[in-house]
């Protein structure tokens, strides 16, 4: 991404994106995820907890990459309009 596009992405992620996550369905999904993650963490021995944390970190990184790709795709479509 160019510096300008990165700045726009950062602004959008910080100031605009959260507004679209105020939906009850999103909060419900997050609550369910947290509940299951907590249950799994409690059931795992320490070695597997470390593996689970690494898996969650990898999923977070993948989600960040997907968000950036979605932003770039939306930007490309907007430019075509």
PDB file of N, CA and C in Angstrom:
ATOM      1  N   UNK A   1       0.843  -1.182   0.000  1.00  0.00           N
ATOM      2  CA  UNK A   1       0.000   0.000   0.000  1.00  0.00           C
ATOM      3  C   UNK A   1       0.886   1.242   0.000  1.00  0.00           C
ATOM      4  N   UNK A   2       0.377   2.268  -0.632  1.00  0.00           N
ATOM      5  CA  UNK A   2       1.094   3.542  -0.586  1.00  0.00           C
ATOM      6  C   UNK A   2       0.935   4.143   0.817  1.00  0.00           C
ATOM      7  N   UNK A   3       1.751   5.136   1.128  1.00  0.00           N
ATOM      8  CA  UNK A   3       1.655   5.794   2.436  1.00  0.00           C
ATOM      9  C   UNK A   3       0.286   6.432   2.629  1.00  0.00           C
ATOM     10  N   UNK A   4      -0.244   7.061   1.577  1.00  0.00           N
ATOM     11  CA  UNK A   4      -1.560   7.701   1.667  1.00  0.00           C
ATOM     12  C   UNK A   4      -2.660   6.673   1.919  1.00  0.00           C
ATOM     13  N   UNK A   5      -2.599   5.571   1.195  1.00  0.00           N
ATOM     14  CA  UNK A   5      -3.609   4.525   1.371  1.00  0.00           C
ATOM     15  C   UNK A   5      -3.480   3.894   2.750  1.00  0.00           C
ATOM     16  N   UNK A   6      -2.264   3.721   3.237  1.00  0.00           N
ATOM     17  CA  UNK A   6      -2.050   3.173   4.586  1.00  0.00           C
ATOM     18  C   UNK A   6      -2.640   4.105   5.638  1.00  0.00           C
ATOM     19  N   UNK A   7      -2.445   5.415   5.454  1.00  0.00           N
ATOM     20  CA  UNK A   7      -3.009   6.386   6.396  1.00  0.00           C
ATOM     21  C   UNK A   7      -4.533   6.332   6.377  1.00  0.00           C
ATOM     22  N   UNK A   8      -5.117   6.211   5.198  1.00  0.00           N
ATOM     23  CA  UNK A   8      -6.572   6.104   5.082  1.00  0.00           C
ATOM     24  C   UNK A   8      -7.076   4.815   5.726  1.00  0.00           C
ATOM     25  N   UNK A   9      -6.349   3.733   5.504  1.00  0.00           N
ATOM     26  CA  UNK A   9      -6.707   2.448   6.117  1.00  0.00           C
ATOM     27  C   UNK A   9      -6.647   2.548   7.642  1.00  0.00           C
ATOM     28  N   UNK A  10      -5.573   3.112   8.159  1.00  0.00           N
ATOM     29  CA  UNK A  10      -5.422   3.251   9.610  1.00  0.00           C
ATOM     30  C   UNK A  10      -6.551   4.099  10.202  1.00  0.00           C
ATOM     31  N   UNK A  11      -6.881   5.201   9.538  1.00  0.00           N
ATOM     32  CA  UNK A  11      -7.972   6.065   9.997  1.00  0.00           C
ATOM     33  C   UNK A  11      -9.298   5.308   9.987  1.00  0.00           C
ATOM     34  N   UNK A  12      -9.562   4.615   8.889  1.00  0.00           N
ATOM     35  CA  UNK A  12     -10.808   3.855   8.764  1.00  0.00           C
ATOM     36  C   UNK A  12     -10.903   2.789   9.842  1.00  0.00           C
ATOM     37  N   UNK A  13      -9.821   2.071  10.057  1.00  0.00           N
ATOM     38  CA  UNK A  13      -9.806   1.001  11.058  1.00  0.00           C
ATOM     39  C   UNK A  13     -10.038   1.543  12.459  1.00  0.00           C
ATOM     40  N   UNK A  14      -9.479   2.718  12.750  1.00  0.00           N
ATOM     41  CA  UNK A  14      -9.590   3.278  14.090  1.00  0.00           C
ATOM     42  C   UNK A  14     -10.901   4.022  14.323  1.00  0.00           C
ATOM     43  N   UNK A  15     -11.370   4.761  13.318  1.00  0.00           N
ATOM     44  CA  UNK A  15     -12.500   5.660  13.548  1.00  0.00           C
ATOM     45  C   UNK A  15     -13.817   5.224  12.914  1.00  0.00           C
ATOM     46  N   UNK A  16     -13.788   4.469  11.853  1.00  0.00           N
ATOM     47  CA  UNK A  16     -15.021   4.118  11.148  1.00  0.00           C
ATOM     48  C   UNK A  16     -15.436   2.658  11.351  1.00  0.00           C
ATOM     49  N   UNK A  17     -14.473   1.775  11.310  1.00  0.00           N
ATOM     50  CA  UNK A  17     -14.742   0.338  11.384  1.00  0.00           C
ATOM     51  C   UNK A  17     -15.511  -0.072  12.643  1.00  0.00           C
ATOM     52  N   UNK A  18     -15.119   0.424  13.835  1.00  0.00           N
ATOM     53  CA  UNK A  18     -15.806  -0.025  15.051  1.00  0.00           C
ATOM     54  C   UNK A  18     -17.314   0.244  15.050  1.00  0.00           C
ATOM     55  N   UNK A  19     -17.755   1.278  14.356  1.00  0.00           N
ATOM     56  CA  UNK A  19     -19.182   1.596  14.305  1.00  0.00           C
ATOM     57  C   UNK A  19     -19.974   0.450  13.689  1.00  0.00           C
ATOM     58  N   UNK A  20     -19.368  -0.244  12.760  1.00  0.00           N
ATOM     59  CA  UNK A  20     -20.043  -1.337  12.079  1.00  0.00           C
ATOM     60  C   UNK A  20     -20.029  -2.643  12.889  1.00  0.00           C
ATOM     61  N   UNK A  21     -19.362  -2.612  14.045  1.00  0.00           N
ATOM     62  CA  UNK A  21     -19.307  -3.805  14.898  1.00  0.00           C
ATOM     63  C   UNK A  21     -20.172  -3.649  16.140  1.00  0.00           C
ATOM     64  N   UNK A  22     -21.120  -2.739  16.113  1.00  0.00           N
ATOM     65  CA  UNK A  22     -22.010  -2.524  17.248  1.00  0.00           C
ATOM     66  C   UNK A  22     -23.242  -3.424  17.175  1.00  0.00           C
ATOM     67  N   UNK A  23     -23.293  -4.242  16.176  1.00  0.00           N
ATOM     68  CA  UNK A  23     -24.416  -5.127  15.919  1.00  0.00           C
ATOM     69  C   UNK A  23     -24.536  -6.188  17.021  1.00  0.00           C
ATOM     70  N   UNK A  24     -25.759  -6.498  17.424  1.00  0.00           N
ATOM     71  CA  UNK A  24     -25.986  -7.518  18.453  1.00  0.00           C
ATOM     72  C   UNK A  24     -25.450  -8.883  18.026  1.00  0.00           C
ATOM     73  N   UNK A  25     -25.572  -9.205  16.742  1.00  0.00           N
ATOM     74  CA  UNK A  25     -25.074 -10.501  16.258  1.00  0.00           C
ATOM     75  C   UNK A  25     -23.567 -10.605  16.420  1.00  0.00           C
ATOM     76  N   UNK A  26     -22.865  -9.506  16.162  1.00  0.00           N
ATOM     77  CA  UNK A  26     -21.405  -9.509  16.307  1.00  0.00           C
ATOM     78  C   UNK A  26     -21.017  -9.690  17.774  1.00  0.00           C
ATOM     79  N   UNK A  27     -21.669  -8.953  18.638  1.00  0.00           N
ATOM     80  CA  UNK A  27     -21.370  -9.078  20.080  1.00  0.00           C
ATOM     81  C   UNK A  27     -21.687 -10.481  20.576  1.00  0.00           C
ATOM     82  N   UNK A  28     -22.794 -11.035  20.123  1.00  0.00           N
ATOM     83  CA  UNK A  28     -23.177 -12.388  20.527  1.00  0.00           C
ATOM     84  C   UNK A  28     -22.116 -13.395  20.073  1.00  0.00           C
ATOM     85  N   UNK A  29     -21.669 -13.280  18.828  1.00  0.00           N
ATOM     86  CA  UNK A  29     -20.642 -14.197  18.314  1.00  0.00           C
ATOM     87  C   UNK A  29     -19.353 -14.065  19.124  1.00  0.00           C
ATOM     88  N   UNK A  30     -18.981 -12.840  19.478  1.00  0.00           N
ATOM     89  CA  UNK A  30     -17.787 -12.629  20.294  1.00  0.00           C
ATOM     90  C   UNK A  30     -17.925 -13.228  21.677  1.00  0.00           C
ATOM     91  N   UNK A  31     -19.109 -13.099  22.260  1.00  0.00           N
ATOM     92  CA  UNK A  31     -19.351 -13.685  23.579  1.00  0.00           C
ATOM     93  C   UNK A  31     -19.259 -15.208  23.537  1.00  0.00           C
ATOM     94  N   UNK A  32     -19.844 -15.802  22.512  1.00  0.00           N
ATOM     95  CA  UNK A  32     -19.798 -17.270  22.366  1.00  0.00           C
ATOM     96  C   UNK A  32     -18.354 -17.729  22.173  1.00  0.00           C
ATOM     97  N   UNK A  33     -17.608 -17.021  21.322  1.00  0.00           N
ATOM     98  CA  UNK A  33     -16.208 -17.369  21.099  1.00  0.00           C
ATOM     99  C   UNK A  33     -15.430 -17.300  22.415  1.00  0.00           C
ATOM    100  N   UNK A  34     -15.598 -16.213  23.154  1.00  0.00           N
ATOM    101  CA  UNK A  34     -14.876 -16.042  24.419  1.00  0.00           C
ATOM    102  C   UNK A  34     -15.227 -17.136  25.413  1.00  0.00           C
ATOM    103  N   UNK A  35     -16.504 -17.489  25.468  1.00  0.00           N
ATOM    104  CA  UNK A  35     -16.947 -18.547  26.386  1.00  0.00           C
ATOM    105  C   UNK A  35     -16.283 -19.879  26.038  1.00  0.00           C
ATOM    106  N   UNK A  36     -16.299 -20.245  24.766  1.00  0.00           N
ATOM    107  CA  UNK A  36     -15.700 -21.517  24.354  1.00  0.00           C
ATOM    108  C   UNK A  36     -14.181 -21.505  24.533  1.00  0.00           C
ATOM    109  N   UNK A  37     -13.553 -20.369  24.243  1.00  0.00           N
ATOM    110  CA  UNK A  37     -12.109 -20.264  24.420  1.00  0.00           C
ATOM    111  C   UNK A  37     -11.742 -20.418  25.894  1.00  0.00           C
ATOM    112  N   UNK A  38     -12.487 -19.760  26.764  1.00  0.00           N
ATOM    113  CA  UNK A  38     -12.223 -19.866  28.202  1.00  0.00           C
ATOM    114  C   UNK A  38     -12.401 -21.312  28.680  1.00  0.00           C
ATOM    115  N   UNK A  39     -13.462 -21.972  28.224  1.00  0.00           N
ATOM    116  CA  UNK A  39     -13.707 -23.369  28.607  1.00  0.00           C
ATOM    117  C   UNK A  39     -12.557 -24.263  28.142  1.00  0.00           C
ATOM    118  N   UNK A  40     -12.112 -24.045  26.910  1.00  0.00           N
ATOM    119  CA  UNK A  40     -11.009 -24.841  26.376  1.00  0.00           C
ATOM    120  C   UNK A  40      -9.720 -24.575  27.146  1.00  0.00           C
ATOM    121  N   UNK A  41      -9.437 -23.312  27.447  1.00  0.00           N
ATOM    122  CA  UNK A  41      -8.223 -22.979  28.207  1.00  0.00           C
ATOM    123  C   UNK A  41      -8.225 -23.653  29.575  1.00  0.00           C
ATOM    124  N   UNK A  42      -9.376 -23.706  30.213  1.00  0.00           N
ATOM    125  CA  UNK A  42      -9.467 -24.321  31.530  1.00  0.00           C
ATOM    126  C   UNK A  42      -9.241 -25.833  31.474  1.00  0.00           C
ATOM    127  N   UNK A  43      -9.582 -26.440  30.343  1.00  0.00           N
ATOM    128  CA  UNK A  43      -9.485 -27.896  30.225  1.00  0.00           C
ATOM    129  C   UNK A  43      -8.108 -28.369  29.761  1.00  0.00           C
ATOM    130  N   UNK A  44      -7.303 -27.480  29.230  1.00  0.00           N
ATOM    131  CA  UNK A  44      -6.024 -27.891  28.655  1.00  0.00           C
ATOM    132  C   UNK A  44      -4.877 -27.825  29.668  1.00  0.00           C
ATOM    133  N   UNK A  45      -3.938 -28.756  29.543  1.00  0.00           N
ATOM    134  CA  UNK A  45      -2.708 -28.655  30.334  1.00  0.00           C
ATOM    135  C   UNK A  45      -1.847 -27.504  29.786  1.00  0.00           C
ATOM    136  N   UNK A  46      -0.880 -27.033  30.567  1.00  0.00           N
ATOM    137  CA  UNK A  46      -0.079 -25.858  30.176  1.00  0.00           C
ATOM    138  C   UNK A  46       0.547 -25.929  28.774  1.00  0.00           C
ATOM    139  N   UNK A  47       1.072 -27.066  28.379  1.00  0.00           N
ATOM    140  CA  UNK A  47       1.722 -27.177  27.065  1.00  0.00           C
ATOM    141  C   UNK A  47       0.725 -26.918  25.937  1.00  0.00           C
ATOM    142  N   UNK A  48      -0.469 -27.449  26.083  1.00  0.00           N
ATOM    143  CA  UNK A  48      -1.480 -27.234  25.052  1.00  0.00           C
ATOM    144  C   UNK A  48      -2.045 -25.811  25.104  1.00  0.00           C
ATOM    145  N   UNK A  49      -2.050 -25.188  26.286  1.00  0.00           N
ATOM    146  CA  UNK A  49      -2.491 -23.795  26.383  1.00  0.00           C
ATOM    147  C   UNK A  49      -1.578 -22.896  25.566  1.00  0.00           C
ATOM    148  N   UNK A  50      -0.283 -23.191  25.581  1.00  0.00           N
ATOM    149  CA  UNK A  50       0.674 -22.416  24.798  1.00  0.00           C
ATOM    150  C   UNK A  50       0.396 -22.583  23.303  1.00  0.00           C
ATOM    151  N   UNK A  51       0.100 -23.800  22.884  1.00  0.00           N
ATOM    152  CA  UNK A  51      -0.224 -24.058  21.483  1.00  0.00           C
ATOM    153  C   UNK A  51      -1.516 -23.328  21.099  1.00  0.00           C
ATOM    154  N   UNK A  52      -2.493 -23.349  21.985  1.00  0.00           N
ATOM    155  CA  UNK A  52      -3.749 -22.643  21.724  1.00  0.00           C
ATOM    156  C   UNK A  52      -3.515 -21.145  21.587  1.00  0.00           C
ATOM    157  N   UNK A  53      -2.672 -20.585  22.440  1.00  0.00           N
ATOM    158  CA  UNK A  53      -2.367 -19.159  22.348  1.00  0.00           C
ATOM    159  C   UNK A  53      -1.703 -18.841  21.012  1.00  0.00           C
ATOM    160  N   UNK A  54      -0.778 -19.686  20.577  1.00  0.00           N
ATOM    161  CA  UNK A  54      -0.127 -19.478  19.285  1.00  0.00           C
ATOM    162  C   UNK A  54      -1.136 -19.572  18.141  1.00  0.00           C
ATOM    163  N   UNK A  55      -2.081 -20.485  18.247  1.00  0.00           N
ATOM    164  CA  UNK A  55      -3.128 -20.613  17.240  1.00  0.00           C
ATOM    165  C   UNK A  55      -3.995 -19.352  17.201  1.00  0.00           C
ATOM    166  N   UNK A  56      -4.385 -18.859  18.361  1.00  0.00           N
ATOM    167  CA  UNK A  56      -5.190 -17.633  18.427  1.00  0.00           C
ATOM    168  C   UNK A  56      -4.419 -16.443  17.866  1.00  0.00           C
ATOM    169  N   UNK A  57      -3.135 -16.354  18.163  1.00  0.00           N
ATOM    170  CA  UNK A  57      -2.304 -15.276  17.611  1.00  0.00           C
ATOM    171  C   UNK A  57      -2.236 -15.365  16.088  1.00  0.00           C
ATOM    172  N   UNK A  58      -2.094 -16.586  15.557  1.00  0.00           N
ATOM    173  CA  UNK A  58      -2.039 -16.779  14.109  1.00  0.00           C
ATOM    174  C   UNK A  58      -3.373 -16.399  13.467  1.00  0.00           C
ATOM    175  N   UNK A  59      -4.478 -16.746  14.116  1.00  0.00           N
ATOM    176  CA  UNK A  59      -5.796 -16.370  13.600  1.00  0.00           C
ATOM    177  C   UNK A  59      -5.988 -14.862  13.615  1.00  0.00           C
ATOM    178  N   UNK A  60      -5.507 -14.204  14.667  1.00  0.00           N
ATOM    179  CA  UNK A  60      -5.584 -12.736  14.722  1.00  0.00           C
ATOM    180  C   UNK A  60      -4.782 -12.111  13.585  1.00  0.00           C
ATOM    181  N   UNK A  61      -3.601 -12.638  13.332  1.00  0.00           N
ATOM    182  CA  UNK A  61      -2.770 -12.112  12.247  1.00  0.00           C
ATOM    183  C   UNK A  61      -3.445 -12.335  10.897  1.00  0.00           C
ATOM    184  N   UNK A  62      -4.031 -13.521  10.716  1.00  0.00           N
ATOM    185  CA  UNK A  62      -4.738 -13.813   9.477  1.00  0.00           C
ATOM    186  C   UNK A  62      -5.924 -12.865   9.297  1.00  0.00           C
ATOM    187  N   UNK A  63      -6.647 -12.593  10.355  1.00  0.00           N
ATOM    188  CA  UNK A  63      -7.791 -11.677  10.295  1.00  0.00           C
ATOM    189  C   UNK A  63      -7.323 -10.274   9.916  1.00  0.00           C
ATOM    190  N   UNK A  64      -6.203  -9.831  10.481  1.00  0.00           N
ATOM    191  CA  UNK A  64      -5.675  -8.509  10.141  1.00  0.00           C
ATOM    192  C   UNK A  64      -5.332  -8.414   8.652  1.00  0.00           C
ATOM    193  N   UNK A  65      -4.738  -9.468   8.117  1.00  0.00           N
ATOM    194  CA  UNK A  65      -4.391  -9.499   6.695  1.00  0.00           C
ATOM    195  C   UNK A  65      -5.659  -9.489   5.848  1.00  0.00           C
ATOM    196  N   UNK A  66      -6.681 -10.233   6.270  1.00  0.00           N
ATOM    197  CA  UNK A  66      -7.945 -10.268   5.544  1.00  0.00           C
ATOM    198  C   UNK A  66      -8.636  -8.903   5.572  1.00  0.00           C
ATOM    199  N   UNK A  67      -8.582  -8.209   6.706  1.00  0.00           N
ATOM    200  CA  UNK A  67      -9.178  -6.878   6.801  1.00  0.00           C
ATOM    201  C   UNK A  67      -8.492  -5.911   5.833  1.00  0.00           C
ATOM    202  N   UNK A  68      -7.183  -5.973   5.786  1.00  0.00           N
ATOM    203  CA  UNK A  68      -6.450  -5.102   4.874  1.00  0.00           C
ATOM    204  C   UNK A  68      -6.788  -5.439   3.427  1.00  0.00           C
ATOM    205  N   UNK A  69      -6.892  -6.720   3.107  1.00  0.00           N
ATOM    206  CA  UNK A  69      -7.253  -7.128   1.748  1.00  0.00           C
ATOM    207  C   UNK A  69      -8.663  -6.654   1.401  1.00  0.00           C
ATOM    208  N   UNK A  70      -9.593  -6.745   2.353  1.00  0.00           N
ATOM    209  CA  UNK A  70     -10.961  -6.280   2.117  1.00  0.00           C
ATOM    210  C   UNK A  70     -10.970  -4.779   1.861  1.00  0.00           C
ATOM    211  N   UNK A  71     -10.187  -4.032   2.632  1.00  0.00           N
ATOM    212  CA  UNK A  71     -10.094  -2.591   2.434  1.00  0.00           C
ATOM    213  C   UNK A  71      -9.557  -2.281   1.046  1.00  0.00           C
ATOM    214  N   UNK A  72      -8.503  -2.971   0.652  1.00  0.00           N
ATOM    215  CA  UNK A  72      -7.912  -2.729  -0.662  1.00  0.00           C
ATOM    216  C   UNK A  72      -8.889  -3.088  -1.779  1.00  0.00           C
ATOM    217  N   UNK A  73      -9.651  -4.166  -1.598  1.00  0.00           N
ATOM    218  CA  UNK A  73     -10.648  -4.556  -2.598  1.00  0.00           C
ATOM    219  C   UNK A  73     -11.747  -3.501  -2.691  1.00  0.00           C
ATOM    220  N   UNK A  74     -12.212  -3.005  -1.551  1.00  0.00           N
ATOM    221  CA  UNK A  74     -13.248  -1.969  -1.548  1.00  0.00           C
ATOM    222  C   UNK A  74     -12.717  -0.691  -2.194  1.00  0.00           C
ATOM    223  N   UNK A  75     -11.480  -0.342  -1.922  1.00  0.00           N
ATOM    224  CA  UNK A  75     -10.870   0.840  -2.522  1.00  0.00           C
ATOM    225  C   UNK A  75     -10.793   0.683  -4.043  1.00  0.00           C
ATOM    226  N   UNK A  76     -10.410  -0.494  -4.510  1.00  0.00           N
ATOM    227  CA  UNK A  76     -10.319  -0.740  -5.946  1.00  0.00           C
ATOM    228  C   UNK A  76     -11.692  -0.633  -6.605  1.00  0.00           C
ATOM    229  N   UNK A  77     -12.709  -1.191  -5.977  1.00  0.00           N
ATOM    230  CA  UNK A  77     -14.072  -1.098  -6.520  1.00  0.00           C
ATOM    231  C   UNK A  77     -14.535   0.354  -6.543  1.00  0.00           C
ATOM    232  N   UNK A  78     -14.257   1.087  -5.475  1.00  0.00           N
ATOM    233  CA  UNK A  78     -14.664   2.490  -5.416  1.00  0.00           C
ATOM    234  C   UNK A  78     -14.022   3.273  -6.560  1.00  0.00           C
ATOM    235  N   UNK A  79     -12.774   3.014  -6.835  1.00  0.00           N
ATOM    236  CA  UNK A  79     -12.074   3.724  -7.914  1.00  0.00           C
ATOM    237  C   UNK A  79     -12.670   3.383  -9.276  1.00  0.00           C
ATOM    238  N   UNK A  80     -13.180   2.169  -9.421  1.00  0.00           N
ATOM    239  CA  UNK A  80     -13.792   1.757 -10.691  1.00  0.00           C
ATOM    240  C   UNK A  80     -15.146   2.446 -10.906  1.00  0.00           C
ATOM    241  N   UNK A  81     -15.785   2.832  -9.827  1.00  0.00           N
ATOM    242  CA  UNK A  81     -17.081   3.496  -9.951  1.00  0.00           C
ATOM    243  C   UNK A  81     -16.837   4.912 -10.376  1.00  0.00           C
TER     244      UNK A  81
END
